[in-house]
């Protein structure tokens, strides 16, 4: 199984992958704070058809100009209206999230330094502390239509775990690894429907629900293959039966 997954990683994890994946938007920036904001914003809308995600992300980031960080710190989001950003995510939802980042970045050098102070060590702890900051920045209001789910304790948090893969894992190819908050060995698999279904077909995931327990079960299995970098297999599980090469199709 490990040999099979390693071959799939090598097939998918290459420079050409960047051009067709939402991770491409992170590669446009050099400043840490820009990369952080873009990671979270793009991951927030990373569901649905890939072409639509890329189109929506392009339009969303165009609103922020050359520097999303400067856009946030100048409170440009307060000029957003009611327009759709991506599927069920609208400009007021984006403004809610960016208002939270403004609060965090007004008081901390980076989002990473904010999380370090609060000893947040996984997607669920990160969700808890950032969601609290966002609620405070938005007058105590909650918003379920963003990356930081209100019902986070049992959620798989697929999109946030994807953002963490981009931010933490450094492979010199796709993932940027600009955060030292976590080690690659501490990351959890971004579990979407396709990855979950492929994992069950491969026999490395038994749980039927796509929830936090499934994420923990699958990640534990992947750590058995590569303890220092288990989420590299996200490329393999994502890529199986995508494109021309069919295994179960």
Protein backbone atom coordinates (compact mmCIF):
# COMPACT_ATOMS: atom_id res chain seq x y z
CA UNK A 1 0.00 0.00 0.00
CA UNK A 2 2.77 2.44 0.89
CA UNK A 3 4.54 1.80 -2.43
CA UNK A 4 1.28 2.35 -4.31
CA UNK A 5 0.55 5.63 -2.51
CA UNK A 6 4.12 6.87 -2.98
CA UNK A 7 3.80 6.36 -6.74
CA UNK A 8 0.56 8.32 -6.76
CA UNK A 9 2.19 11.17 -4.79
CA UNK A 10 5.01 11.34 -7.34
CA UNK A 11 2.47 11.40 -10.18
CA UNK A 12 0.49 14.34 -8.75
CA UNK A 13 2.89 16.39 -6.60
CA UNK A 14 4.71 18.41 -9.26
CA UNK A 15 4.99 21.99 -10.51
CA UNK A 16 2.31 21.42 -13.16
CA UNK A 17 -0.18 20.68 -10.36
CA UNK A 18 0.12 24.26 -9.10
CA UNK A 19 -1.33 25.68 -12.31
CA UNK A 20 -4.60 23.79 -11.88
CA UNK A 21 -4.98 24.01 -8.08
CA UNK A 22 -6.08 26.79 -5.70
CA UNK A 23 -2.59 26.69 -4.15
CA UNK A 24 -1.47 28.75 -7.17
CA UNK A 25 -2.80 31.90 -5.50
CA UNK A 26 -0.47 31.55 -2.50
CA UNK A 27 2.53 31.38 -4.82
CA UNK A 28 1.84 34.93 -6.01
CA UNK A 29 2.88 36.47 -2.69
CA UNK A 30 6.05 36.71 -0.62
CA UNK A 31 4.97 38.50 2.57
CA UNK A 32 3.87 36.12 5.31
CA UNK A 33 0.72 38.05 6.19
CA UNK A 34 -0.41 38.11 2.54
CA UNK A 35 0.09 34.35 2.28
CA UNK A 36 -1.80 33.73 5.53
CA UNK A 37 -4.83 35.77 4.47
CA UNK A 38 -4.87 34.29 0.97
CA UNK A 39 -4.55 30.76 2.35
CA UNK A 40 -7.59 31.15 4.57
CA UNK A 41 -9.68 33.06 2.02
CA UNK A 42 -9.01 30.62 -0.82
CA UNK A 43 -9.48 27.54 1.39
CA UNK A 44 -12.81 28.98 2.52
CA UNK A 45 -14.22 28.67 -1.01
CA UNK A 46 -12.44 25.40 -1.87
CA UNK A 47 -15.50 23.31 -2.51
CA UNK A 48 -17.34 22.43 -5.70
CA UNK A 49 -15.97 22.27 -9.23
CA UNK A 50 -12.30 23.19 -9.50
CA UNK A 51 -12.82 25.57 -12.40
CA UNK A 52 -15.43 27.47 -10.42
CA UNK A 53 -13.18 27.63 -7.34
CA UNK A 54 -10.33 29.12 -9.37
CA UNK A 55 -12.64 31.64 -11.04
CA UNK A 56 -14.19 32.70 -7.73
CA UNK A 57 -10.80 32.98 -6.02
CA UNK A 58 -9.48 35.15 -8.84
CA UNK A 59 -12.42 37.54 -8.51
CA UNK A 60 -12.23 37.57 -4.70
CA UNK A 61 -8.53 38.40 -4.58
CA UNK A 62 -8.90 41.05 -7.27
CA UNK A 63 -11.04 43.00 -4.79
CA UNK A 64 -8.05 43.13 -2.43
CA UNK A 65 -5.54 44.59 -4.88
CA UNK A 66 -1.83 43.84 -4.80
CA UNK A 67 -1.68 43.15 -1.05
CA UNK A 68 -4.51 41.42 0.82
CA UNK A 69 -2.69 42.32 4.05
CA UNK A 70 -2.77 46.04 3.30
CA UNK A 71 -6.38 45.72 2.17
CA UNK A 72 -7.30 44.18 5.53
CA UNK A 73 -5.32 46.68 7.59
CA UNK A 74 -6.90 49.62 5.69
CA UNK A 75 -10.32 48.03 6.31
CA UNK A 76 -11.11 47.86 2.61
CA UNK A 77 -13.59 45.08 3.35
CA UNK A 78 -15.97 47.70 4.81
CA UNK A 79 -16.67 48.79 1.22
CA UNK A 80 -17.89 45.34 0.20
CA UNK A 81 -21.54 45.00 -0.68
CA UNK A 82 -23.84 41.99 -0.90
CA UNK A 83 -22.48 40.31 -4.04
CA UNK A 84 -21.84 36.61 -4.33
CA UNK A 85 -18.26 35.43 -3.88
CA UNK A 86 -18.64 31.66 -4.35
CA UNK A 87 -21.78 29.54 -4.23
CA UNK A 88 -23.33 30.20 -0.77
CA UNK A 89 -20.48 32.50 0.34
CA UNK A 90 -21.20 36.22 -0.08
CA UNK A 91 -19.37 39.52 0.44
CA UNK A 92 -20.81 40.03 3.97
CA UNK A 93 -19.33 36.62 4.90
CA UNK A 94 -15.97 37.66 3.49
CA UNK A 95 -16.10 40.97 5.36
CA UNK A 96 -16.90 39.11 8.58
CA UNK A 97 -13.81 36.97 8.22
CA UNK A 98 -11.49 39.82 7.17
CA UNK A 99 -12.73 41.95 10.05
CA UNK A 100 -11.53 39.19 12.34
CA UNK A 101 -8.14 39.11 10.65
CA UNK A 102 -7.90 42.89 11.06
CA UNK A 103 -8.34 42.51 14.79
CA UNK A 104 -5.79 39.70 14.99
CA UNK A 105 -3.20 41.49 12.84
CA UNK A 106 -3.70 44.80 14.63
CA UNK A 107 -2.59 43.13 17.84
CA UNK A 108 -0.08 40.57 16.52
CA UNK A 109 2.70 40.42 13.97
CA UNK A 110 1.00 37.59 12.10
CA UNK A 111 -1.85 35.12 12.42
CA UNK A 112 0.76 32.49 13.25
CA UNK A 113 2.13 34.53 16.17
CA UNK A 114 -1.44 35.01 17.45
CA UNK A 115 -1.96 31.24 17.43
CA UNK A 116 1.40 30.58 19.09
CA UNK A 117 0.42 32.79 22.03
CA UNK A 118 -2.74 30.72 22.47
CA UNK A 119 -0.96 27.38 22.05
CA UNK A 120 -3.29 26.27 19.24
CA UNK A 121 -1.85 23.03 17.84
CA UNK A 122 -4.41 21.59 15.42
CA UNK A 123 -7.29 22.64 13.17
CA UNK A 124 -9.87 22.30 15.93
CA UNK A 125 -7.98 24.43 18.45
CA UNK A 126 -7.17 26.98 15.73
CA UNK A 127 -10.84 27.19 14.81
CA UNK A 128 -11.81 27.78 18.42
CA UNK A 129 -9.42 30.68 19.03
CA UNK A 130 -9.86 32.39 15.65
CA UNK A 131 -13.62 32.04 15.75
CA UNK A 132 -13.63 33.73 19.15
CA UNK A 133 -11.54 36.61 17.77
CA UNK A 134 -13.86 36.95 14.79
CA UNK A 135 -16.94 37.06 16.97
CA UNK A 136 -15.36 39.75 19.12
CA UNK A 137 -14.38 41.78 16.05
CA UNK A 138 -17.94 41.51 14.72
CA UNK A 139 -19.76 42.67 17.86
CA UNK A 140 -20.37 39.18 19.16
CA UNK A 141 -22.10 37.99 15.99
CA UNK A 142 -21.51 34.49 14.66
CA UNK A 143 -21.18 33.41 11.05
CA UNK A 144 -21.33 29.80 9.94
CA UNK A 145 -20.46 30.48 6.30
CA UNK A 146 -16.71 30.76 6.66
CA UNK A 147 -13.65 28.60 7.12
CA UNK A 148 -13.85 28.60 10.91
CA UNK A 149 -16.93 26.44 11.51
CA UNK A 150 -19.13 27.10 14.52
CA UNK A 151 -19.70 23.36 14.91
CA UNK A 152 -16.00 22.58 14.88
CA UNK A 153 -15.62 19.94 17.60
CA UNK A 154 -16.98 17.09 15.46
CA UNK A 155 -16.31 18.55 12.02
CA UNK A 156 -13.66 17.18 9.66
CA UNK A 157 -12.59 20.80 8.98
CA UNK A 158 -11.45 19.79 5.51
CA UNK A 159 -10.85 23.31 4.24
CA UNK A 160 -8.90 24.46 7.29
CA UNK A 161 -6.75 21.34 7.24
CA UNK A 162 -6.08 22.11 3.58
CA UNK A 163 -4.96 25.65 4.47
CA UNK A 164 -2.72 24.22 7.17
CA UNK A 165 -1.17 21.82 4.67
CA UNK A 166 -0.30 24.78 2.44
CA UNK A 167 1.05 26.85 5.34
CA UNK A 168 2.96 24.19 7.30
CA UNK A 169 4.13 21.51 4.90
CA UNK A 170 7.20 22.45 2.85
CA UNK A 171 8.06 20.19 -0.05
CA UNK A 172 9.80 22.69 -2.31
CA UNK A 173 7.22 21.92 -4.99
CA UNK A 174 3.61 22.72 -4.11
CA UNK A 175 3.19 23.46 -0.40
CA UNK A 176 4.88 26.62 0.89
CA UNK A 177 5.66 25.76 4.52
CA UNK A 178 5.83 29.35 5.80
CA UNK A 179 4.55 28.45 9.30
CA UNK A 180 6.58 26.90 12.12
CA UNK A 181 3.51 26.65 14.35
CA UNK A 182 3.22 22.93 13.63
CA UNK A 183 5.41 20.20 12.21
CA UNK A 184 4.38 18.32 9.10
CA UNK A 185 4.05 15.23 11.30
CA UNK A 186 1.30 16.99 13.29
CA UNK A 187 -0.95 17.80 10.32
CA UNK A 188 -4.25 16.07 9.60
CA UNK A 189 -5.57 14.96 6.24
CA UNK A 190 -8.01 17.34 4.47
CA UNK A 191 -10.95 14.95 4.23
CA UNK A 192 -13.47 15.59 1.46
CA UNK A 193 -15.96 13.15 -0.03
CA UNK A 194 -13.61 11.95 -2.77
CA UNK A 195 -10.64 11.37 -0.45
CA UNK A 196 -12.89 9.57 2.04
CA UNK A 197 -14.42 7.31 -0.60
CA UNK A 198 -11.05 6.41 -2.14
CA UNK A 199 -9.63 5.70 1.34
CA UNK A 200 -12.48 3.31 2.08
CA UNK A 201 -11.95 1.52 -1.22
CA UNK A 202 -8.27 1.14 -0.32
CA UNK A 203 -9.21 -0.23 3.10
CA UNK A 204 -7.37 2.46 5.10
CA UNK A 205 -10.56 4.11 6.40
CA UNK A 206 -13.38 2.15 8.01
CA UNK A 207 -15.55 4.87 9.53
CA UNK A 208 -18.64 5.68 7.46
CA UNK A 209 -19.13 9.32 8.50
CA UNK A 210 -16.86 12.04 7.12
CA UNK A 211 -16.22 13.68 10.48
CA UNK A 212 -13.38 14.42 12.90
CA UNK A 213 -13.09 10.79 13.98
CA UNK A 214 -12.68 9.76 10.34
CA UNK A 215 -9.94 12.36 9.90
CA UNK A 216 -8.14 11.05 12.96
CA UNK A 217 -8.51 7.42 11.84
CA UNK A 218 -7.25 8.05 8.32
CA UNK A 219 -4.39 10.29 9.43
CA UNK A 220 -3.28 7.64 11.92
CA UNK A 221 -3.17 5.08 9.09
CA UNK A 222 -1.16 7.46 6.89
CA UNK A 223 1.28 8.16 9.73
CA UNK A 224 1.96 4.44 9.71
CA UNK A 225 3.31 4.84 6.17
CA UNK A 226 5.20 8.11 6.75
CA UNK A 227 5.22 9.41 10.35
CA UNK A 228 7.09 12.61 9.48
CA UNK A 229 4.81 13.68 6.59
CA UNK A 230 1.47 11.84 6.55
CA UNK A 231 -0.51 14.47 4.64
CA UNK A 232 1.68 14.17 1.56
CA UNK A 233 -0.66 11.30 0.75
CA UNK A 234 -3.42 13.88 0.24
CA UNK A 235 -1.97 14.22 -3.26
CA UNK A 236 -2.32 10.48 -3.81
CA UNK A 237 -5.84 10.11 -2.41
CA UNK A 238 -7.03 13.24 -4.20
CA UNK A 239 -5.46 12.19 -7.49
CA UNK A 240 -6.74 8.62 -7.69
CA UNK A 241 -9.49 8.39 -10.33
CA UNK A 242 -8.99 12.07 -11.24
CA UNK A 243 -7.90 12.72 -14.79
CA UNK A 244 -6.90 10.05 -17.27
CA UNK A 245 -5.57 7.44 -14.86
CA UNK A 246 -8.43 5.37 -13.46
CA UNK A 247 -7.97 2.80 -10.73
CA UNK A 248 -11.48 2.27 -9.41
CA UNK A 249 -13.32 4.01 -12.24
